[in-house]
Amino acid sequence: MSRADNGAGTGTYGRESGSLGSIGVRFMIAGKDTGEHVSLVEHPMPARALAAPMHRHSREDEYSFVLEGRVERAAGRRGDLRRSG
């Protein structure tokens, strides 16, 4: 985790934060602040954590950016490795 949580349920940007299973959840831009058009969520996670089970989105697009380390992603029967940078 690169940004410290202040212990009051909000991160250094003053947004709500918490956890979702083994990963952190920190709302950098909440959907309610953009008329539900976009949100930006940081998911700090420890090494070898399962971030999310296989799932689909029917009403939104999801993009992932790796800021530190690397993440392996499974897509259908294939997988690929994403690295920071």
C-alpha atoms as a PDB file:
ATOM      1  CA  MET A   1       0.000   0.000   0.000  1.00  0.00           C
ATOM      2  CA  SER A   2       1.601   3.190  -1.148  1.00  0.00           C
ATOM      3  CA  ARG A   3      -0.768   5.661   0.532  1.00  0.00           C
ATOM      4  CA  ALA A   4      -1.552   5.505   4.213  1.00  0.00           C
ATOM      5  CA  ASP A   5      -5.073   5.289   5.526  1.00  0.00           C
ATOM      6  CA  ASN A   6      -5.708   7.692   8.392  1.00  0.00           C
ATOM      7  CA  GLY A   7      -7.647   5.078  10.358  1.00  0.00           C
ATOM      8  CA  ALA A   8     -10.922   6.973  10.129  1.00  0.00           C
ATOM      9  CA  GLY A   9     -12.184   5.177   7.044  1.00  0.00           C
ATOM     10  CA  THR A  10     -10.821   7.749   4.612  1.00  0.00           C
ATOM     11  CA  GLY A  11      -7.549   7.789   2.713  1.00  0.00           C
ATOM     12  CA  THR A  12      -5.171  10.691   2.221  1.00  0.00           C
ATOM     13  CA  TYR A  13      -7.528  12.131  -0.397  1.00  0.00           C
ATOM     14  CA  GLY A  14     -10.459  12.253   2.020  1.00  0.00           C
ATOM     15  CA  ARG A  15     -12.489   9.562   0.243  1.00  0.00           C
ATOM     16  CA  GLU A  16     -14.108   6.445   1.644  1.00  0.00           C
ATOM     17  CA  SER A  17     -11.934   3.374   1.972  1.00  0.00           C
ATOM     18  CA  GLY A  18     -12.238  -0.139   3.265  1.00  0.00           C
ATOM     19  CA  SER A  19     -11.557  -3.670   2.163  1.00  0.00           C
ATOM     20  CA  LEU A  20     -13.039  -6.175  -0.224  1.00  0.00           C
ATOM     21  CA  GLY A  21     -11.856  -9.624   0.805  1.00  0.00           C
ATOM     22  CA  SER A  22      -8.060  -9.622   0.626  1.00  0.00           C
ATOM     23  CA  ILE A  23      -7.675  -6.295  -1.207  1.00  0.00           C
ATOM     24  CA  GLY A  24      -8.115  -2.686  -0.195  1.00  0.00           C
ATOM     25  CA  VAL A  25     -10.648  -0.308  -1.720  1.00  0.00           C
ATOM     26  CA  ARG A  26     -10.022   3.436  -1.844  1.00  0.00           C
ATOM     27  CA  PHE A  27     -12.347   5.701  -3.829  1.00  0.00           C
ATOM     28  CA  MET A  28     -10.228   8.412  -5.442  1.00  0.00           C
ATOM     29  CA  ILE A  29     -13.185   9.805  -7.437  1.00  0.00           C
ATOM     30  CA  ALA A  30     -16.630   8.599  -6.425  1.00  0.00           C
ATOM     31  CA  GLY A  31     -19.366   8.041  -8.991  1.00  0.00           C
ATOM     32  CA  LYS A  32     -21.673  10.327  -7.026  1.00  0.00           C
ATOM     33  CA  ASP A  33     -19.222  13.194  -7.703  1.00  0.00           C
ATOM     34  CA  THR A  34     -19.472  12.729 -11.493  1.00  0.00           C
ATOM     35  CA  GLY A  35     -23.189  12.121 -11.948  1.00  0.00           C
ATOM     36  CA  GLU A  36     -22.468   8.367 -11.904  1.00  0.00           C
ATOM     37  CA  HIS A  37     -20.484   8.643 -15.169  1.00  0.00           C
ATOM     38  CA  VAL A  38     -17.063   7.563 -13.893  1.00  0.00           C
ATOM     39  CA  SER A  39     -15.300   6.512 -10.716  1.00  0.00           C
ATOM     40  CA  LEU A  40     -11.646   5.921  -9.939  1.00  0.00           C
ATOM     41  CA  VAL A  41     -10.868   3.249  -7.362  1.00  0.00           C
ATOM     42  CA  GLU A  42      -7.466   2.218  -6.008  1.00  0.00           C
ATOM     43  CA  HIS A  43      -7.099  -1.422  -4.960  1.00  0.00           C
ATOM     44  CA  PRO A  44      -3.940  -1.843  -2.874  1.00  0.00           C
ATOM     45  CA  MET A  45      -3.241  -5.558  -2.460  1.00  0.00           C
ATOM     46  CA  PRO A  46      -0.607  -7.782  -0.902  1.00  0.00           C
ATOM     47  CA  ALA A  47       1.518 -10.149  -2.964  1.00  0.00           C
ATOM     48  CA  ARG A  48      -0.262 -13.276  -4.235  1.00  0.00           C
ATOM     49  CA  ALA A  49      -3.723 -11.944  -3.347  1.00  0.00           C
ATOM     50  CA  LEU A  50      -6.757 -12.954  -5.391  1.00  0.00           C
ATOM     51  CA  ALA A  51      -8.123  -9.584  -6.402  1.00  0.00           C
ATOM     52  CA  ALA A  52     -11.490 -10.645  -7.762  1.00  0.00           C
ATOM     53  CA  PRO A  53     -13.128 -13.835  -8.905  1.00  0.00           C
ATOM     54  CA  MET A  54     -13.995 -14.154 -12.587  1.00  0.00           C
ATOM     55  CA  HIS A  55     -16.794 -11.715 -13.329  1.00  0.00           C
ATOM     56  CA  ARG A  56     -18.368  -9.594 -16.076  1.00  0.00           C
ATOM     57  CA  HIS A  57     -19.772  -6.100 -16.188  1.00  0.00           C
ATOM     58  CA  SER A  58     -22.944  -5.559 -18.188  1.00  0.00           C
ATOM     59  CA  ARG A  59     -23.333  -1.797 -17.660  1.00  0.00           C
ATOM     60  CA  GLU A  60     -19.801  -0.431 -17.323  1.00  0.00           C
ATOM     61  CA  ASP A  61     -16.244  -0.759 -18.579  1.00  0.00           C
ATOM     62  CA  GLU A  62     -13.344  -1.573 -16.290  1.00  0.00           C
ATOM     63  CA  TYR A  63      -9.725  -0.528 -16.829  1.00  0.00           C
ATOM     64  CA  SER A  64      -6.759  -1.528 -14.675  1.00  0.00           C
ATOM     65  CA  PHE A  65      -3.450   0.269 -14.271  1.00  0.00           C
ATOM     66  CA  VAL A  66      -0.575  -1.405 -12.426  1.00  0.00           C
ATOM     67  CA  LEU A  67       1.324   1.235 -10.449  1.00  0.00           C
ATOM     68  CA  GLU A  68       3.755  -1.012  -8.559  1.00  0.00           C
ATOM     69  CA  GLY A  69       4.908  -4.597  -9.054  1.00  0.00           C
ATOM     70  CA  ARG A  70       3.022  -6.903 -11.387  1.00  0.00           C
ATOM     71  CA  VAL A  71      -0.407  -8.501 -11.663  1.00  0.00           C
ATOM     72  CA  GLU A  72      -1.442 -11.677 -13.450  1.00  0.00           C
ATOM     73  CA  ARG A  73      -4.865 -11.582 -15.054  1.00  0.00           C
ATOM     74  CA  ALA A  74      -6.988 -14.467 -16.249  1.00  0.00           C
ATOM     75  CA  ALA A  75      -9.316 -13.788 -19.161  1.00  0.00           C
ATOM     76  CA  GLY A  76     -11.364 -16.748 -20.304  1.00  0.00           C
ATOM     77  CA  ARG A  77      -8.949 -19.624 -20.848  1.00  0.00           C
ATOM     78  CA  ARG A  78      -5.958 -17.324 -21.227  1.00  0.00           C
ATOM     79  CA  GLY A  79      -3.976 -15.266 -18.793  1.00  0.00           C
ATOM     80  CA  ASP A  80      -1.447 -12.514 -19.102  1.00  0.00           C
ATOM     81  CA  LEU A  81       1.013 -10.707 -16.889  1.00  0.00           C
ATOM     82  CA  ARG A  82       0.799  -6.948 -16.356  1.00  0.00           C
ATOM     83  CA  ARG A  83       3.736  -4.974 -14.981  1.00  0.00           C
ATOM     84  CA  SER A  84       4.003  -1.415 -13.745  1.00  0.00           C
ATOM     85  CA  GLY A  85       5.149   1.181 -16.223  1.00  0.00           C
END
